[in-house]
Amino acid sequence: MTLSRRQMLGHSLGAAMLPSLSRIAFADDAYPSRPLRLIVGFTPGSASDVVGRFFAKGASTALGQQVVVENKPGAGSAIAAKYAAAAEPDGYTLFLIAASTLTNQVVNARLGLDLLKQFTPVARLASGPYVLVVNPNAGANSVDELVAMAKSQPGKVLYGSVGSGSLPDLCSELFAQRAGAKLTHVPYQGSPQVINDLIAGRITMAFENAIAVAGQIKAGKIKALATTTAKRASTLPDVPTLAEAGMKDFDVTLWIGVMAPAGTPRPIIDRLAAAGHGAMHDPQTMATLATEGFDPYDAGPDALGAFMRSELKRWDGVARAAGLKA
């Protein structure tokens, strides 16, 4: 049988594609064949970094390859996000996302972040509450008293956060909107600076993660009024939730997850998600997370993506109402 020139060209192109397809399939089957990198946009020792290292340790065992943590702090994790997003979508570079990374995208458009376009969700590793804390001498021993103070002194109640667009910033704005009060934001570089000024009385209140404030609360240097999630924090069982304190349906979660560059094959995403589940449900890891007020992994790729979309919509509304976004 004689083939036409067009037929011969078609066969040649098809044959040329086969090795490429074979390599992709082989790469998925052999994955991972070398160490992985987890890019973390926060400083070592921060809550996100701690959770990321638990993931790295457990995933290294599950995958049979070391997961190396690389800290690249700055710009509310935007530096790390852009760095990770530019990596090859082959499953060897991962990005640790925290709730504040997402809210930073909402408020700071100049950063050029679009996390759900730049990345593919892998898993939500851990989640927990923020704690509403005040200076013990501020004159507010309950949420009602703090609200009354804020209403009677518009703009004079100062709250601290780790920066404009961070989740503690937007959580404070949501609190103000629910209370019908005006608060004034004082941004800081990190939680230690927020807590130091809260203890010194330079600011009145803050929403902080349990890891950062548990010791200071026990020492009586700051006072916990409420937590932000639907259920009480295991580390602070005597502290009511904001919903219990009268702010109905107030539910804000500090969450931490893992993403991979957009275009990473689904089989690799599923493999990473399974590794994350195993890592965060290790009994020793779970026990340590519990002491820090965190619950382990509770969302895979699809659930994390849906959750992020709902959070983007929610915090966009809060930011617009607060005048933080045009």
Protein backbone atom coordinates (compact mmCIF):
# COMPACT_ATOMS: atom_id res chain seq x y z
CA MET A 1 0.00 0.00 0.00
CA THR A 2 1.33 3.42 -1.00
CA LEU A 3 0.86 6.23 1.51
CA SER A 4 0.25 9.80 0.46
CA ARG A 5 2.60 12.53 1.62
CA ARG A 6 -0.11 13.82 4.03
CA GLN A 7 -0.62 10.33 5.52
CA MET A 8 3.13 9.85 5.95
CA LEU A 9 3.37 13.24 7.69
CA GLY A 10 0.49 12.32 10.02
CA HIS A 11 2.12 9.03 10.98
CA SER A 12 5.41 10.81 11.60
CA LEU A 13 3.81 13.41 13.88
CA GLY A 14 1.93 10.73 15.81
CA ALA A 15 5.10 8.72 16.32
CA ALA A 16 6.94 11.82 17.47
CA MET A 17 4.32 12.45 20.16
CA LEU A 18 4.45 8.95 21.62
CA PRO A 19 7.80 9.28 23.41
CA SER A 20 6.66 12.55 25.02
CA LEU A 21 3.41 10.99 26.26
CA SER A 22 5.32 7.95 27.46
CA ARG A 23 7.73 10.14 29.39
CA ILE A 24 4.84 11.97 31.09
CA ALA A 25 3.18 8.71 32.08
CA PHE A 26 6.48 7.28 33.26
CA ALA A 27 7.21 10.43 35.26
CA ASP A 28 3.88 10.12 37.08
CA ASP A 29 4.48 6.43 37.80
CA ALA A 30 8.02 7.01 39.07
CA TYR A 31 7.14 10.09 41.13
CA PRO A 32 8.90 11.15 43.22
CA SER A 33 12.41 10.26 42.14
CA ARG A 34 14.23 13.14 43.88
CA PRO A 35 13.76 15.45 46.91
CA LEU A 36 10.87 17.94 47.00
CA ARG A 37 10.85 21.56 48.15
CA LEU A 38 8.18 23.16 50.34
CA ILE A 39 8.30 26.95 49.97
CA VAL A 40 7.16 28.72 53.15
CA GLY A 41 6.52 32.46 53.12
CA PHE A 42 6.90 32.87 56.87
CA THR A 43 9.79 32.90 59.31
CA PRO A 44 11.04 29.72 61.02
CA GLY A 45 9.11 29.05 64.21
CA SER A 46 5.90 30.74 63.07
CA ALA A 47 2.65 28.78 63.28
CA SER A 48 2.63 28.16 59.53
CA ASP A 49 6.26 27.08 59.53
CA VAL A 50 5.64 24.63 62.39
CA VAL A 51 2.73 23.01 60.56
CA GLY A 52 4.72 22.95 57.31
CA ARG A 53 7.56 21.09 59.00
CA PHE A 54 5.17 18.49 60.37
CA PHE A 55 3.94 17.97 56.81
CA ALA A 56 7.48 17.82 55.44
CA LYS A 57 8.54 15.22 57.99
CA GLY A 58 5.55 12.92 57.46
CA ALA A 59 5.42 13.36 53.70
CA SER A 60 9.13 12.52 53.42
CA THR A 61 8.40 9.13 54.95
CA ALA A 62 5.27 8.53 52.87
CA LEU A 63 6.86 9.56 49.56
CA GLY A 64 10.26 7.98 50.13
CA GLN A 65 11.96 11.28 49.29
CA GLN A 66 12.98 14.15 51.52
CA VAL A 67 10.72 17.22 51.58
CA VAL A 68 12.98 20.20 52.26
CA VAL A 69 11.50 23.37 53.80
CA GLU A 70 12.69 26.65 52.27
CA ASN A 71 11.65 29.83 54.11
CA LYS A 72 11.17 32.89 51.90
CA PRO A 73 9.33 35.41 54.12
CA GLY A 74 8.17 38.83 53.04
CA ALA A 75 5.23 40.75 51.54
CA GLY A 76 2.67 38.66 53.41
CA SER A 77 3.96 35.46 51.75
CA ALA A 78 3.62 36.96 48.27
CA ILE A 79 7.35 36.59 47.59
CA ALA A 80 7.19 32.88 48.34
CA ALA A 81 3.98 32.47 46.33
CA LYS A 82 5.43 34.04 43.19
CA TYR A 83 8.62 32.02 43.52
CA ALA A 84 6.74 28.73 43.89
CA ALA A 85 4.24 29.56 41.12
CA ALA A 86 7.10 29.98 38.64
CA ALA A 87 8.41 26.47 39.27
CA GLU A 88 7.85 23.54 36.90
CA PRO A 89 4.45 21.87 37.56
CA ASP A 90 6.08 18.51 38.19
CA GLY A 91 5.27 18.02 41.86
CA TYR A 92 8.76 18.79 43.13
CA THR A 93 8.03 22.35 44.30
CA LEU A 94 5.16 22.93 46.72
CA PHE A 95 3.82 26.07 48.36
CA LEU A 96 2.60 26.38 51.94
CA ILE A 97 -0.47 28.62 51.92
CA ALA A 98 -1.96 30.20 55.03
CA ALA A 99 -5.24 32.01 55.50
CA SER A 100 -3.45 35.38 55.47
CA THR A 101 -1.93 34.61 52.08
CA LEU A 102 -5.44 34.48 50.67
CA THR A 103 -6.68 37.63 52.40
CA ASN A 104 -3.50 39.41 51.32
CA GLN A 105 -4.58 38.72 47.73
CA VAL A 106 -7.99 40.26 48.46
CA VAL A 107 -6.66 43.56 49.82
CA ASN A 108 -3.34 44.04 48.04
CA ALA A 109 -4.08 43.77 44.33
CA ARG A 110 -0.72 45.35 43.49
CA LEU A 111 0.97 42.11 44.58
CA GLY A 112 -0.40 40.38 41.49
CA LEU A 113 -1.55 37.22 43.27
CA ASP A 114 -4.27 34.96 41.90
CA LEU A 115 -3.73 31.85 43.96
CA LEU A 116 -6.40 29.67 42.36
CA LYS A 117 -5.03 30.41 38.88
CA GLN A 118 -1.36 30.16 39.81
CA PHE A 119 -1.72 27.00 41.89
CA THR A 120 -3.61 23.74 42.20
CA PRO A 121 -4.89 22.95 45.73
CA VAL A 122 -3.44 19.85 47.38
CA ALA A 123 -4.66 19.74 50.98
CA ARG A 124 -5.61 21.77 54.01
CA LEU A 125 -3.16 20.54 56.62
CA ALA A 126 -4.44 22.09 59.83
CA SER A 127 -6.91 24.62 61.14
CA GLY A 128 -7.61 26.36 64.41
CA PRO A 129 -8.97 29.50 66.05
CA TYR A 130 -7.74 32.98 66.61
CA VAL A 131 -8.02 34.33 70.13
CA LEU A 132 -9.41 37.79 70.85
CA VAL A 133 -7.00 39.16 73.46
CA VAL A 134 -6.88 42.50 75.26
CA ASN A 135 -4.63 44.34 77.64
CA PRO A 136 -5.77 43.36 81.18
CA ASN A 137 -5.90 47.02 82.22
CA ALA A 138 -7.93 48.17 79.22
CA GLY A 139 -11.19 47.99 81.17
CA ALA A 140 -12.80 45.30 79.02
CA ASN A 141 -13.35 41.97 80.75
CA SER A 142 -15.84 40.62 78.24
CA VAL A 143 -16.79 40.96 74.60
CA ASP A 144 -19.80 43.09 75.56
CA GLU A 145 -17.57 45.47 77.53
CA LEU A 146 -15.10 45.73 74.63
CA VAL A 147 -17.92 46.49 72.19
CA ALA A 148 -19.33 49.14 74.54
CA MET A 149 -15.88 50.71 74.87
CA ALA A 150 -15.40 50.79 71.09
CA LYS A 151 -18.82 52.33 70.52
CA SER A 152 -18.29 55.02 73.13
CA GLN A 153 -14.82 55.93 71.79
CA PRO A 154 -15.04 55.74 67.97
CA GLY A 155 -11.61 55.14 66.44
CA LYS A 156 -9.79 55.23 69.79
CA VAL A 157 -9.69 51.47 70.37
CA LEU A 158 -6.49 50.32 68.66
CA TYR A 159 -6.05 46.81 67.32
CA GLY A 160 -2.80 45.27 66.18
CA SER A 161 -2.19 42.80 63.38
CA VAL A 162 0.66 41.38 61.34
CA GLY A 163 -0.12 43.73 58.47
CA SER A 164 -2.78 45.23 56.25
CA GLY A 165 -4.66 42.48 54.46
CA SER A 166 -3.68 39.77 56.92
CA LEU A 167 -6.46 37.58 58.29
CA PRO A 168 -6.14 39.11 61.80
CA ASP A 169 -6.63 42.52 60.18
CA LEU A 170 -9.79 41.46 58.33
CA CYS A 171 -11.00 39.49 61.34
CA SER A 172 -10.77 42.70 63.38
CA GLU A 173 -12.66 44.59 60.67
CA LEU A 174 -15.37 41.92 60.67
CA PHE A 175 -15.60 42.25 64.46
CA ALA A 176 -15.97 46.03 64.12
CA GLN A 177 -18.68 45.65 61.48
CA ARG A 178 -20.61 43.18 63.60
CA ALA A 179 -20.23 45.41 66.66
CA GLY A 180 -21.26 48.56 64.81
CA ALA A 181 -18.08 50.26 65.99
CA LYS A 182 -15.01 51.93 64.49
CA LEU A 183 -11.56 50.59 65.37
CA THR A 184 -8.11 51.84 64.35
CA HIS A 185 -5.54 49.49 62.86
CA VAL A 186 -1.89 49.44 63.94
CA PRO A 187 0.15 47.14 61.64
CA TYR A 188 3.25 45.26 62.81
CA GLN A 189 5.92 43.08 61.23
CA GLY A 190 5.00 40.00 63.26
CA SER A 191 3.04 38.55 66.18
CA PRO A 192 5.80 39.10 68.78
CA GLN A 193 5.65 42.85 68.17
CA VAL A 194 1.84 42.84 68.39
CA ILE A 195 1.92 40.97 71.69
CA ASN A 196 4.67 43.14 73.19
CA ASP A 197 2.69 46.32 72.49
CA LEU A 198 -0.51 44.71 73.75
CA ILE A 199 1.21 43.85 77.04
CA ALA A 200 2.64 47.38 77.24
CA GLY A 201 -0.82 48.88 76.68
CA ARG A 202 0.08 50.67 73.46
CA ILE A 203 -2.81 48.86 71.73
CA THR A 204 -6.08 47.62 73.19
CA MET A 205 -6.84 44.38 71.38
CA ALA A 206 -5.71 41.83 68.82
CA PHE A 207 -6.74 38.60 67.18
CA GLU A 208 -3.80 36.22 67.56
CA ASN A 209 -3.18 32.51 67.06
CA ALA A 210 -3.22 30.31 70.14
CA ILE A 211 0.44 29.32 69.70
CA ALA A 212 1.54 32.94 70.03
CA VAL A 213 -0.56 33.94 73.06
CA ALA A 214 -1.22 30.84 75.20
CA GLY A 215 1.79 31.42 77.46
CA GLN A 216 1.04 35.12 77.94
CA ILE A 217 -2.60 34.36 78.76
CA LYS A 218 -1.57 31.81 81.41
CA ALA A 219 0.90 34.31 82.85
CA GLY A 220 -1.86 36.93 83.14
CA LYS A 221 -0.03 39.40 80.91
CA ILE A 222 -2.93 39.52 78.43
CA LYS A 223 -6.57 38.54 78.76
CA ALA A 224 -8.48 36.22 76.43
CA LEU A 225 -12.08 37.28 75.80
CA ALA A 226 -13.16 34.83 73.07
CA THR A 227 -12.08 32.54 70.27
CA THR A 228 -13.16 32.83 66.65
CA THR A 229 -14.19 29.33 65.56
CA ALA A 230 -17.53 27.60 65.94
CA LYS A 231 -16.25 25.38 68.74
CA ARG A 232 -14.07 26.23 71.72
CA ALA A 233 -10.31 25.86 71.46
CA SER A 234 -8.99 22.69 73.07
CA THR A 235 -6.11 24.69 74.53
CA LEU A 236 -8.45 27.31 76.03
CA PRO A 237 -11.57 25.35 77.05
CA ASP A 238 -12.75 28.03 79.50
CA VAL A 239 -12.71 30.80 76.89
CA PRO A 240 -16.06 31.21 75.07
CA THR A 241 -16.40 31.50 71.33
CA LEU A 242 -17.47 34.83 69.87
CA ALA A 243 -20.75 33.19 68.89
CA GLU A 244 -21.30 32.21 72.53
CA ALA A 245 -20.38 35.74 73.55
CA GLY A 246 -23.20 37.17 71.43
CA MET A 247 -21.81 37.56 67.90
CA LYS A 248 -24.00 35.06 66.11
CA ASP A 249 -22.38 32.95 63.36
CA PHE A 250 -18.96 34.53 63.87
CA ASP A 251 -16.65 31.80 62.61
CA VAL A 252 -13.12 32.62 61.44
CA THR A 253 -10.53 29.89 61.00
CA LEU A 254 -6.77 30.14 60.91
CA TRP A 255 -5.95 27.48 58.32
CA ILE A 256 -2.79 26.23 56.64
CA GLY A 257 -2.54 24.17 53.46
CA VAL A 258 -0.35 23.00 50.61
CA MET A 259 -0.61 23.87 46.93
CA ALA A 260 1.34 22.96 43.79
CA PRO A 261 1.99 25.06 40.68
CA ALA A 262 -0.93 25.15 38.25
CA GLY A 263 -0.76 22.33 35.73
CA THR A 264 0.64 19.72 38.11
CA PRO A 265 -0.87 16.35 37.01
CA ARG A 266 -3.81 15.13 39.07
CA PRO A 267 -2.18 11.76 39.93
CA ILE A 268 0.68 13.67 41.56
CA ILE A 269 -1.75 15.99 43.39
CA ASP A 270 -3.61 12.95 44.76
CA ARG A 271 -0.35 11.33 45.84
CA LEU A 272 0.67 14.49 47.69
CA ALA A 273 -2.77 14.80 49.29
CA ALA A 274 -2.56 11.24 50.59
CA ALA A 275 0.91 11.93 51.96
CA GLY A 276 -0.43 15.05 53.68
CA HIS A 277 -3.29 13.12 55.26
CA GLY A 278 -0.91 10.53 56.64
CA ALA A 279 1.56 13.14 57.86
CA MET A 280 -0.99 15.20 59.77
CA HIS A 281 -2.74 12.15 61.27
CA ASP A 282 0.42 10.70 62.75
CA PRO A 283 -0.49 10.22 66.46
CA GLN A 284 2.48 12.20 67.74
CA THR A 285 1.82 15.04 65.29
CA MET A 286 -1.87 15.11 66.21
CA ALA A 287 -1.03 15.29 69.91
CA THR A 288 1.39 18.18 69.33
CA LEU A 289 -1.07 20.03 67.09
CA ALA A 290 -3.76 19.67 69.76
CA THR A 291 -1.54 21.34 72.36
CA GLU A 292 -1.15 24.25 69.94
CA GLY A 293 -4.89 24.52 69.29
CA PHE A 294 -4.89 22.97 65.80
CA ASP A 295 -7.00 20.21 64.30
CA PRO A 296 -5.32 18.07 61.59
CA TYR A 297 -5.94 17.74 57.83
CA ASP A 298 -9.61 18.00 56.91
CA ALA A 299 -9.76 18.85 53.20
CA GLY A 300 -8.34 17.34 50.02
CA PRO A 301 -7.75 19.07 46.67
CA ASP A 302 -11.35 19.68 45.62
CA ALA A 303 -12.61 20.60 49.08
CA LEU A 304 -9.71 23.02 49.64
CA GLY A 305 -10.39 24.69 46.28
CA ALA A 306 -14.08 25.15 47.09
CA PHE A 307 -13.24 26.48 50.55
CA MET A 308 -10.77 29.00 49.13
CA ARG A 309 -13.32 30.29 46.63
CA SER A 310 -15.86 30.84 49.41
CA GLU A 311 -13.25 32.56 51.59
CA LEU A 312 -12.23 34.88 48.75
CA LYS A 313 -15.84 35.97 48.31
CA ARG A 314 -16.38 36.42 52.03
CA TRP A 315 -13.29 38.51 52.74
CA ASP A 316 -13.73 40.57 49.59
CA GLY A 317 -17.04 41.71 51.04
CA VAL A 318 -15.50 42.53 54.43
CA ALA A 319 -12.64 44.44 52.78
CA ARG A 320 -15.00 46.52 50.63
CA ALA A 321 -17.22 47.33 53.61
CA ALA A 322 -14.15 48.43 55.57
CA GLY A 323 -12.96 50.65 52.73
CA LEU A 324 -9.85 48.55 52.23
CA LYS A 325 -10.72 47.82 48.61
CA ALA A 326 -12.21 50.03 45.91
